[in-house]
């Protein structure tokens, strides 16, 4: 691997971390909003109303589940990056 400047290494690490954090943040933002809405619906028992949009309710639950999977996947990537990939990409030796 060609030698990289410290600036290039920091920029590469920073970019990768920001991408992962951005994905996690987006998933958390949507999930939090949906959970707040679902909490209101369940506390006020709106789901008992015949006009309640049960399909939308189920769509929100499905989206929450997908976002939790996305958060989990990105956290796994983040851990792997911190433990292994950062050393492979920068050419630095892994600490023992």
PDB file of N, CA and C in Angstrom:
ATOM      1  N   UNK A   1       0.848  -1.176   0.000  1.00  0.00           N
ATOM      2  CA  UNK A   1       0.000   0.000   0.000  1.00  0.00           C
ATOM      3  C   UNK A   1       0.895   1.242   0.000  1.00  0.00           C
ATOM      4  N   UNK A   2       0.602   2.210  -0.882  1.00  0.00           N
ATOM      5  CA  UNK A   2       1.420   3.424  -0.890  1.00  0.00           C
ATOM      6  C   UNK A   2       1.237   4.180   0.425  1.00  0.00           C
ATOM      7  N   UNK A   3       2.294   4.874   0.828  1.00  0.00           N
ATOM      8  CA  UNK A   3       2.227   5.632   2.072  1.00  0.00           C
ATOM      9  C   UNK A   3       1.233   6.774   1.920  1.00  0.00           C
ATOM     10  N   UNK A   4       0.434   6.947   2.933  1.00  0.00           N
ATOM     11  CA  UNK A   4      -0.574   8.000   2.914  1.00  0.00           C
ATOM     12  C   UNK A   4      -0.167   9.099   3.887  1.00  0.00           C
ATOM     13  N   UNK A   5      -0.572  10.311   3.565  1.00  0.00           N
ATOM     14  CA  UNK A   5      -0.284  11.416   4.472  1.00  0.00           C
ATOM     15  C   UNK A   5      -1.227  11.327   5.668  1.00  0.00           C
ATOM     16  N   UNK A   6      -0.818  11.890   6.788  1.00  0.00           N
ATOM     17  CA  UNK A   6      -1.733  11.902   7.942  1.00  0.00           C
ATOM     18  C   UNK A   6      -3.072  12.573   7.619  1.00  0.00           C
ATOM     19  N   UNK A   7      -3.029  13.607   6.801  1.00  0.00           N
ATOM     20  CA  UNK A   7      -4.259  14.313   6.433  1.00  0.00           C
ATOM     21  C   UNK A   7      -5.190  13.401   5.640  1.00  0.00           C
ATOM     22  N   UNK A   8      -4.639  12.639   4.699  1.00  0.00           N
ATOM     23  CA  UNK A   8      -5.461  11.726   3.894  1.00  0.00           C
ATOM     24  C   UNK A   8      -6.073  10.635   4.767  1.00  0.00           C
ATOM     25  N   UNK A   9      -5.293  10.136   5.713  1.00  0.00           N
ATOM     26  CA  UNK A   9      -5.788   9.098   6.618  1.00  0.00           C
ATOM     27  C   UNK A   9      -6.924   9.647   7.477  1.00  0.00           C
ATOM     28  N   UNK A  10      -6.725  10.823   8.051  1.00  0.00           N
ATOM     29  CA  UNK A  10      -7.759  11.430   8.899  1.00  0.00           C
ATOM     30  C   UNK A  10      -9.018  11.721   8.077  1.00  0.00           C
ATOM     31  N   UNK A  11      -8.852  12.229   6.867  1.00  0.00           N
ATOM     32  CA  UNK A  11     -10.016  12.515   6.016  1.00  0.00           C
ATOM     33  C   UNK A  11     -10.785  11.249   5.682  1.00  0.00           C
ATOM     34  N   UNK A  12     -10.072  10.161   5.373  1.00  0.00           N
ATOM     35  CA  UNK A  12     -10.722   8.897   5.038  1.00  0.00           C
ATOM     36  C   UNK A  12     -11.489   8.362   6.246  1.00  0.00           C
ATOM     37  N   UNK A  13     -10.853   8.375   7.408  1.00  0.00           N
ATOM     38  CA  UNK A  13     -11.503   7.885   8.629  1.00  0.00           C
ATOM     39  C   UNK A  13     -12.705   8.763   8.968  1.00  0.00           C
ATOM     40  N   UNK A  14     -12.523  10.062   8.899  1.00  0.00           N
ATOM     41  CA  UNK A  14     -13.604  10.995   9.208  1.00  0.00           C
ATOM     42  C   UNK A  14     -14.802  10.798   8.280  1.00  0.00           C
ATOM     43  N   UNK A  15     -14.547  10.663   6.991  1.00  0.00           N
ATOM     44  CA  UNK A  15     -15.628  10.472   6.024  1.00  0.00           C
ATOM     45  C   UNK A  15     -16.398   9.185   6.312  1.00  0.00           C
ATOM     46  N   UNK A  16     -15.683   8.107   6.547  1.00  0.00           N
ATOM     47  CA  UNK A  16     -16.343   6.831   6.805  1.00  0.00           C
ATOM     48  C   UNK A  16     -17.175   6.899   8.092  1.00  0.00           C
ATOM     49  N   UNK A  17     -16.619   7.486   9.131  1.00  0.00           N
ATOM     50  CA  UNK A  17     -17.361   7.612  10.391  1.00  0.00           C
ATOM     51  C   UNK A  17     -18.595   8.489  10.213  1.00  0.00           C
ATOM     52  N   UNK A  18     -18.455   9.589   9.481  1.00  0.00           N
ATOM     53  CA  UNK A  18     -19.605  10.478   9.266  1.00  0.00           C
ATOM     54  C   UNK A  18     -20.709   9.787   8.478  1.00  0.00           C
ATOM     55  N   UNK A  19     -20.339   8.955   7.486  1.00  0.00           N
ATOM     56  CA  UNK A  19     -21.344   8.218   6.713  1.00  0.00           C
ATOM     57  C   UNK A  19     -22.122   7.253   7.605  1.00  0.00           C
ATOM     58  N   UNK A  20     -21.411   6.505   8.431  1.00  0.00           N
ATOM     59  CA  UNK A  20     -22.075   5.558   9.332  1.00  0.00           C
ATOM     60  C   UNK A  20     -22.951   6.288  10.349  1.00  0.00           C
ATOM     61  N   UNK A  21     -22.425   7.347  10.918  1.00  0.00           N
ATOM     62  CA  UNK A  21     -23.187   8.121  11.906  1.00  0.00           C
ATOM     63  C   UNK A  21     -24.425   8.741  11.259  1.00  0.00           C
ATOM     64  N   UNK A  22     -24.299   9.233  10.040  1.00  0.00           N
ATOM     65  CA  UNK A  22     -25.436   9.815   9.326  1.00  0.00           C
ATOM     66  C   UNK A  22     -26.546   8.771   9.138  1.00  0.00           C
ATOM     67  N   UNK A  23     -26.183   7.569   8.704  1.00  0.00           N
ATOM     68  CA  UNK A  23     -27.175   6.502   8.514  1.00  0.00           C
ATOM     69  C   UNK A  23     -27.853   6.136   9.827  1.00  0.00           C
ATOM     70  N   UNK A  24     -27.074   6.037  10.896  1.00  0.00           N
ATOM     71  CA  UNK A  24     -27.635   5.706  12.207  1.00  0.00           C
ATOM     72  C   UNK A  24     -28.555   6.828  12.679  1.00  0.00           C
ATOM     73  N   UNK A  25     -28.108   8.061  12.524  1.00  0.00           N
ATOM     74  CA  UNK A  25     -28.909   9.211  12.951  1.00  0.00           C
ATOM     75  C   UNK A  25     -30.238   9.280  12.213  1.00  0.00           C
ATOM     76  N   UNK A  26     -30.222   9.069  10.902  1.00  0.00           N
ATOM     77  CA  UNK A  26     -31.464   9.098  10.130  1.00  0.00           C
ATOM     78  C   UNK A  26     -32.432   8.020  10.608  1.00  0.00           C
ATOM     79  N   UNK A  27     -31.918   6.806  10.812  1.00  0.00           N
ATOM     80  CA  UNK A  27     -32.770   5.709  11.264  1.00  0.00           C
ATOM     81  C   UNK A  27     -33.339   6.007  12.651  1.00  0.00           C
ATOM     82  N   UNK A  28     -32.521   6.572  13.531  1.00  0.00           N
ATOM     83  CA  UNK A  28     -32.998   6.917  14.872  1.00  0.00           C
ATOM     84  C   UNK A  28     -34.052   8.019  14.827  1.00  0.00           C
ATOM     85  N   UNK A  29     -33.853   9.015  13.986  1.00  0.00           N
ATOM     86  CA  UNK A  29     -34.791  10.129  13.866  1.00  0.00           C
ATOM     87  C   UNK A  29     -36.173   9.636  13.444  1.00  0.00           C
ATOM     88  N   UNK A  30     -36.228   8.815  12.405  1.00  0.00           N
ATOM     89  CA  UNK A  30     -37.505   8.288  11.914  1.00  0.00           C
ATOM     90  C   UNK A  30     -38.138   7.376  12.962  1.00  0.00           C
ATOM     91  N   UNK A  31     -37.330   6.507  13.546  1.00  0.00           N
ATOM     92  CA  UNK A  31     -37.837   5.574  14.553  1.00  0.00           C
ATOM     93  C   UNK A  31     -38.399   6.314  15.756  1.00  0.00           C
ATOM     94  N   UNK A  32     -37.688   7.319  16.227  1.00  0.00           N
ATOM     95  CA  UNK A  32     -38.155   8.096  17.375  1.00  0.00           C
ATOM     96  C   UNK A  32     -39.495   8.758  17.074  1.00  0.00           C
ATOM     97  N   UNK A  33     -39.613   9.362  15.897  1.00  0.00           N
ATOM     98  CA  UNK A  33     -40.867  10.014  15.511  1.00  0.00           C
ATOM     99  C   UNK A  33     -42.025   9.030  15.443  1.00  0.00           C
ATOM    100  N   UNK A  34     -41.779   7.881  14.839  1.00  0.00           N
ATOM    101  CA  UNK A  34     -42.839   6.869  14.737  1.00  0.00           C
ATOM    102  C   UNK A  34     -43.214   6.334  16.112  1.00  0.00           C
ATOM    103  N   UNK A  35     -42.230   6.097  16.968  1.00  0.00           N
ATOM    104  CA  UNK A  35     -42.533   5.587  18.311  1.00  0.00           C
ATOM    105  C   UNK A  35     -43.354   6.603  19.113  1.00  0.00           C
ATOM    106  N   UNK A  36     -43.042   7.880  18.963  1.00  0.00           N
ATOM    107  CA  UNK A  36     -43.831   8.910  19.652  1.00  0.00           C
ATOM    108  C   UNK A  36     -45.271   8.891  19.164  1.00  0.00           C
ATOM    109  N   UNK A  37     -45.466   8.782  17.848  1.00  0.00           N
ATOM    110  CA  UNK A  37     -46.817   8.735  17.281  1.00  0.00           C
ATOM    111  C   UNK A  37     -47.559   7.473  17.722  1.00  0.00           C
ATOM    112  N   UNK A  38     -46.875   6.328  17.682  1.00  0.00           N
ATOM    113  CA  UNK A  38     -47.503   5.078  18.110  1.00  0.00           C
ATOM    114  C   UNK A  38     -47.835   5.125  19.602  1.00  0.00           C
ATOM    115  N   UNK A  39     -46.974   5.749  20.392  1.00  0.00           N
ATOM    116  CA  UNK A  39     -47.229   5.884  21.822  1.00  0.00           C
ATOM    117  C   UNK A  39     -48.521   6.666  22.068  1.00  0.00           C
ATOM    118  N   UNK A  40     -48.695   7.767  21.336  1.00  0.00           N
ATOM    119  CA  UNK A  40     -49.925   8.557  21.463  1.00  0.00           C
ATOM    120  C   UNK A  40     -51.143   7.727  21.062  1.00  0.00           C
ATOM    121  N   UNK A  41     -51.024   7.007  19.951  1.00  0.00           N
ATOM    122  CA  UNK A  41     -52.143   6.183  19.473  1.00  0.00           C
ATOM    123  C   UNK A  41     -52.533   5.127  20.495  1.00  0.00           C
ATOM    124  N   UNK A  42     -51.544   4.517  21.131  1.00  0.00           N
ATOM    125  CA  UNK A  42     -51.864   3.449  22.078  1.00  0.00           C
ATOM    126  C   UNK A  42     -52.335   4.014  23.422  1.00  0.00           C
ATOM    127  N   UNK A  43     -51.729   5.107  23.879  1.00  0.00           N
ATOM    128  CA  UNK A  43     -52.170   5.696  25.151  1.00  0.00           C
ATOM    129  C   UNK A  43     -53.607   6.197  25.065  1.00  0.00           C
ATOM    130  N   UNK A  44     -53.961   6.772  23.933  1.00  0.00           N
ATOM    131  CA  UNK A  44     -55.314   7.301  23.747  1.00  0.00           C
ATOM    132  C   UNK A  44     -56.256   6.256  23.158  1.00  0.00           C
ATOM    133  N   UNK A  45     -55.769   5.049  22.965  1.00  0.00           N
ATOM    134  CA  UNK A  45     -56.539   3.928  22.411  1.00  0.00           C
ATOM    135  C   UNK A  45     -57.224   4.292  21.094  1.00  0.00           C
ATOM    136  N   UNK A  46     -56.519   5.085  20.288  1.00  0.00           N
ATOM    137  CA  UNK A  46     -57.056   5.481  18.979  1.00  0.00           C
ATOM    138  C   UNK A  46     -57.248   4.276  18.072  1.00  0.00           C
ATOM    139  N   UNK A  47     -56.458   3.226  18.294  1.00  0.00           N
ATOM    140  CA  UNK A  47     -56.559   2.024  17.464  1.00  0.00           C
ATOM    141  C   UNK A  47     -57.918   1.347  17.601  1.00  0.00           C
ATOM    142  N   UNK A  48     -58.693   1.699  18.616  1.00  0.00           N
ATOM    143  CA  UNK A  48     -60.034   1.133  18.802  1.00  0.00           C
ATOM    144  C   UNK A  48     -61.063   1.807  17.880  1.00  0.00           C
ATOM    145  N   UNK A  49     -60.743   3.002  17.413  1.00  0.00           N
ATOM    146  CA  UNK A  49     -61.651   3.750  16.531  1.00  0.00           C
ATOM    147  C   UNK A  49     -61.742   3.039  15.189  1.00  0.00           C
ATOM    148  N   UNK A  50     -62.948   2.770  14.696  1.00  0.00           N
ATOM    149  CA  UNK A  50     -63.090   2.084  13.400  1.00  0.00           C
ATOM    150  C   UNK A  50     -62.438   2.847  12.239  1.00  0.00           C
ATOM    151  N   UNK A  51     -62.272   4.162  12.390  1.00  0.00           N
ATOM    152  CA  UNK A  51     -61.660   4.960  11.316  1.00  0.00           C
ATOM    153  C   UNK A  51     -60.136   4.973  11.417  1.00  0.00           C
ATOM    154  N   UNK A  52     -59.611   4.326  12.444  1.00  0.00           N
ATOM    155  CA  UNK A  52     -58.158   4.295  12.638  1.00  0.00           C
ATOM    156  C   UNK A  52     -57.492   3.595  11.454  1.00  0.00           C
ATOM    157  N   UNK A  53     -56.391   4.159  10.983  1.00  0.00           N
ATOM    158  CA  UNK A  53     -55.675   3.610   9.824  1.00  0.00           C
ATOM    159  C   UNK A  53     -54.722   2.507  10.296  1.00  0.00           C
ATOM    160  N   UNK A  54     -55.252   1.290  10.401  1.00  0.00           N
ATOM    161  CA  UNK A  54     -54.455   0.166  10.888  1.00  0.00           C
ATOM    162  C   UNK A  54     -53.324  -0.195   9.929  1.00  0.00           C
ATOM    163  N   UNK A  55     -53.550   0.006   8.640  1.00  0.00           N
ATOM    164  CA  UNK A  55     -52.494  -0.300   7.657  1.00  0.00           C
ATOM    165  C   UNK A  55     -51.301   0.632   7.865  1.00  0.00           C
ATOM    166  N   UNK A  56     -51.578   1.914   8.085  1.00  0.00           N
ATOM    167  CA  UNK A  56     -50.497   2.874   8.344  1.00  0.00           C
ATOM    168  C   UNK A  56     -49.781   2.521   9.646  1.00  0.00           C
ATOM    169  N   UNK A  57     -50.540   2.119  10.649  1.00  0.00           N
ATOM    170  CA  UNK A  57     -49.969   1.700  11.928  1.00  0.00           C
ATOM    171  C   UNK A  57     -48.983   0.556  11.705  1.00  0.00           C
ATOM    172  N   UNK A  58     -49.403  -0.442  10.936  1.00  0.00           N
ATOM    173  CA  UNK A  58     -48.539  -1.590  10.662  1.00  0.00           C
ATOM    174  C   UNK A  58     -47.322  -1.174   9.827  1.00  0.00           C
ATOM    175  N   UNK A  59     -47.507  -0.254   8.888  1.00  0.00           N
ATOM    176  CA  UNK A  59     -46.376   0.253   8.093  1.00  0.00           C
ATOM    177  C   UNK A  59     -45.340   0.934   8.988  1.00  0.00           C
ATOM    178  N   UNK A  60     -45.819   1.698   9.973  1.00  0.00           N
ATOM    179  CA  UNK A  60     -44.889   2.369  10.886  1.00  0.00           C
ATOM    180  C   UNK A  60     -44.121   1.338  11.716  1.00  0.00           C
ATOM    181  N   UNK A  61     -44.805   0.313  12.197  1.00  0.00           N
ATOM    182  CA  UNK A  61     -44.133  -0.735  12.974  1.00  0.00           C
ATOM    183  C   UNK A  61     -43.094  -1.431  12.096  1.00  0.00           C
ATOM    184  N   UNK A  62     -43.437  -1.724  10.849  1.00  0.00           N
ATOM    185  CA  UNK A  62     -42.482  -2.362   9.931  1.00  0.00           C
ATOM    186  C   UNK A  62     -41.275  -1.465   9.682  1.00  0.00           C
ATOM    187  N   UNK A  63     -41.508  -0.172   9.516  1.00  0.00           N
ATOM    188  CA  UNK A  63     -40.413   0.777   9.300  1.00  0.00           C
ATOM    189  C   UNK A  63     -39.509   0.837  10.533  1.00  0.00           C
ATOM    190  N   UNK A  64     -40.108   0.834  11.706  1.00  0.00           N
ATOM    191  CA  UNK A  64     -39.319   0.830  12.946  1.00  0.00           C
ATOM    192  C   UNK A  64     -38.434  -0.408  12.976  1.00  0.00           C
ATOM    193  N   UNK A  65     -39.006  -1.562  12.661  1.00  0.00           N
ATOM    194  CA  UNK A  65     -38.216  -2.806  12.656  1.00  0.00           C
ATOM    195  C   UNK A  65     -37.067  -2.733  11.659  1.00  0.00           C
ATOM    196  N   UNK A  66     -37.325  -2.228  10.450  1.00  0.00           N
ATOM    197  CA  UNK A  66     -36.262  -2.092   9.441  1.00  0.00           C
ATOM    198  C   UNK A  66     -35.179  -1.133   9.924  1.00  0.00           C
ATOM    199  N   UNK A  67     -35.597  -0.032  10.547  1.00  0.00           N
ATOM    200  CA  UNK A  67     -34.618   0.956  11.016  1.00  0.00           C
ATOM    201  C   UNK A  67     -33.776   0.409  12.162  1.00  0.00           C
ATOM    202  N   UNK A  68     -34.361  -0.394  13.015  1.00  0.00           N
ATOM    203  CA  UNK A  68     -33.585  -1.012  14.093  1.00  0.00           C
ATOM    204  C   UNK A  68     -32.547  -1.959  13.484  1.00  0.00           C
ATOM    205  N   UNK A  69     -32.936  -2.702  12.465  1.00  0.00           N
ATOM    206  CA  UNK A  69     -31.974  -3.568  11.766  1.00  0.00           C
ATOM    207  C   UNK A  69     -30.868  -2.739  11.131  1.00  0.00           C
ATOM    208  N   UNK A  70     -31.235  -1.608  10.533  1.00  0.00           N
ATOM    209  CA  UNK A  70     -30.248  -0.721   9.892  1.00  0.00           C
ATOM    210  C   UNK A  70     -29.271  -0.165  10.933  1.00  0.00           C
ATOM    211  N   UNK A  71     -29.805   0.238  12.084  1.00  0.00           N
ATOM    212  CA  UNK A  71     -28.948   0.744  13.164  1.00  0.00           C
ATOM    213  C   UNK A  71     -28.004  -0.358  13.619  1.00  0.00           C
ATOM    214  N   UNK A  72     -28.539  -1.549  13.830  1.00  0.00           N
ATOM    215  CA  UNK A  72     -27.726  -2.679  14.276  1.00  0.00           C
ATOM    216  C   UNK A  72     -26.625  -2.990  13.264  1.00  0.00           C
ATOM    217  N   UNK A  73     -26.974  -3.038  11.989  1.00  0.00           N
ATOM    218  CA  UNK A  73     -26.006  -3.321  10.926  1.00  0.00           C
ATOM    219  C   UNK A  73     -24.907  -2.259  10.890  1.00  0.00           C
ATOM    220  N   UNK A  74     -25.293  -0.996  11.002  1.00  0.00           N
ATOM    221  CA  UNK A  74     -24.304   0.081  10.964  1.00  0.00           C
ATOM    222  C   UNK A  74     -23.424   0.094  12.207  1.00  0.00           C
ATOM    223  N   UNK A  75     -23.968  -0.284  13.346  1.00  0.00           N
ATOM    224  CA  UNK A  75     -23.132  -0.376  14.544  1.00  0.00           C
ATOM    225  C   UNK A  75     -22.132  -1.521  14.417  1.00  0.00           C
ATOM    226  N   UNK A  76     -22.542  -2.620  13.800  1.00  0.00           N
ATOM    227  CA  UNK A  76     -21.611  -3.726  13.538  1.00  0.00           C
ATOM    228  C   UNK A  76     -20.492  -3.245  12.614  1.00  0.00           C
ATOM    229  N   UNK A  77     -20.853  -2.497  11.556  1.00  0.00           N
ATOM    230  CA  UNK A  77     -19.844  -1.949  10.643  1.00  0.00           C
ATOM    231  C   UNK A  77     -18.899  -0.992  11.379  1.00  0.00           C
ATOM    232  N   UNK A  78     -19.476  -0.184  12.262  1.00  0.00           N
ATOM    233  CA  UNK A  78     -18.679   0.773  13.018  1.00  0.00           C
ATOM    234  C   UNK A  78     -17.689   0.054  13.933  1.00  0.00           C
ATOM    235  N   UNK A  79     -18.144  -0.980  14.625  1.00  0.00           N
ATOM    236  CA  UNK A  79     -17.244  -1.761  15.482  1.00  0.00           C
ATOM    237  C   UNK A  79     -16.141  -2.410  14.654  1.00  0.00           C
ATOM    238  N   UNK A  80     -16.511  -3.010  13.502  1.00  0.00           N
ATOM    239  CA  UNK A  80     -15.533  -3.671  12.638  1.00  0.00           C
ATOM    240  C   UNK A  80     -14.508  -2.645  12.128  1.00  0.00           C
ATOM    241  N   UNK A  81     -15.001  -1.486  11.745  1.00  0.00           N
ATOM    242  CA  UNK A  81     -14.101  -0.437  11.263  1.00  0.00           C
ATOM    243  C   UNK A  81     -13.109  -0.050  12.356  1.00  0.00           C
ATOM    244  N   UNK A  82     -13.601   0.121  13.588  1.00  0.00           N
ATOM    245  CA  UNK A  82     -12.733   0.542  14.691  1.00  0.00           C
ATOM    246  C   UNK A  82     -11.743  -0.547  15.084  1.00  0.00           C
ATOM    247  N   UNK A  83     -12.145  -1.811  14.966  1.00  0.00           N
ATOM    248  CA  UNK A  83     -11.283  -2.900  15.415  1.00  0.00           C
ATOM    249  C   UNK A  83     -10.354  -3.426  14.334  1.00  0.00           C
ATOM    250  N   UNK A  84     -10.777  -3.364  13.055  1.00  0.00           N
ATOM    251  CA  UNK A  84      -9.994  -4.004  11.997  1.00  0.00           C
ATOM    252  C   UNK A  84      -9.747  -3.108  10.784  1.00  0.00           C
ATOM    253  N   UNK A  85     -10.828  -2.644  10.168  1.00  0.00           N
ATOM    254  CA  UNK A  85     -10.722  -1.952   8.879  1.00  0.00           C
ATOM    255  C   UNK A  85      -9.823  -0.727   8.917  1.00  0.00           C
ATOM    256  N   UNK A  86      -9.868   0.009  10.008  1.00  0.00           N
ATOM    257  CA  UNK A  86      -9.068   1.235  10.081  1.00  0.00           C
ATOM    258  C   UNK A  86      -7.580   0.915   9.920  1.00  0.00           C
ATOM    259  N   UNK A  87      -7.158  -0.227  10.453  1.00  0.00           N
ATOM    260  CA  UNK A  87      -5.745  -0.604  10.346  1.00  0.00           C
ATOM    261  C   UNK A  87      -5.420  -1.085   8.932  1.00  0.00           C
ATOM    262  N   UNK A  88      -6.346  -1.834   8.326  1.00  0.00           N
ATOM    263  CA  UNK A  88      -6.146  -2.297   6.953  1.00  0.00           C
ATOM    264  C   UNK A  88      -6.090  -1.110   5.983  1.00  0.00           C
ATOM    265  N   UNK A  89      -6.992  -0.148   6.160  1.00  0.00           N
ATOM    266  CA  UNK A  89      -7.074   0.987   5.234  1.00  0.00           C
ATOM    267  C   UNK A  89      -5.918   1.966   5.408  1.00  0.00           C
ATOM    268  N   UNK A  90      -5.386   2.064   6.621  1.00  0.00           N
ATOM    269  CA  UNK A  90      -4.314   3.039   6.855  1.00  0.00           C
ATOM    270  C   UNK A  90      -2.930   2.418   6.787  1.00  0.00           C
ATOM    271  N   UNK A  91      -2.873   1.095   6.811  1.00  0.00           N
ATOM    272  CA  UNK A  91      -1.581   0.415   6.780  1.00  0.00           C
ATOM    273  C   UNK A  91      -0.868   0.409   8.119  1.00  0.00           C
ATOM    274  N   UNK A  92      -1.573   0.842   9.143  1.00  0.00           N
ATOM    275  CA  UNK A  92      -0.977   0.849  10.481  1.00  0.00           C
ATOM    276  C   UNK A  92      -1.131  -0.536  11.118  1.00  0.00           C
ATOM    277  N   UNK A  93      -0.166  -0.934  11.953  1.00  0.00           N
ATOM    278  CA  UNK A  93      -0.296  -2.241  12.612  1.00  0.00           C
ATOM    279  C   UNK A  93      -1.378  -2.226  13.671  1.00  0.00           C
ATOM    280  N   UNK A  94      -2.072  -3.348  13.806  1.00  0.00           N
ATOM    281  CA  UNK A  94      -3.087  -3.469  14.862  1.00  0.00           C
ATOM    282  C   UNK A  94      -2.364  -3.597  16.190  1.00  0.00           C
ATOM    283  N   UNK A  95      -2.910  -2.932  17.220  1.00  0.00           N
ATOM    284  CA  UNK A  95      -2.298  -3.101  18.544  1.00  0.00           C
ATOM    285  C   UNK A  95      -2.531  -4.525  19.061  1.00  0.00           C
ATOM    286  N   UNK A  96      -1.570  -5.015  19.817  1.00  0.00           N
ATOM    287  CA  UNK A  96      -1.736  -6.389  20.320  1.00  0.00           C
ATOM    288  C   UNK A  96      -2.479  -6.429  21.621  1.00  0.00           C
TER     289      UNK A  96
END
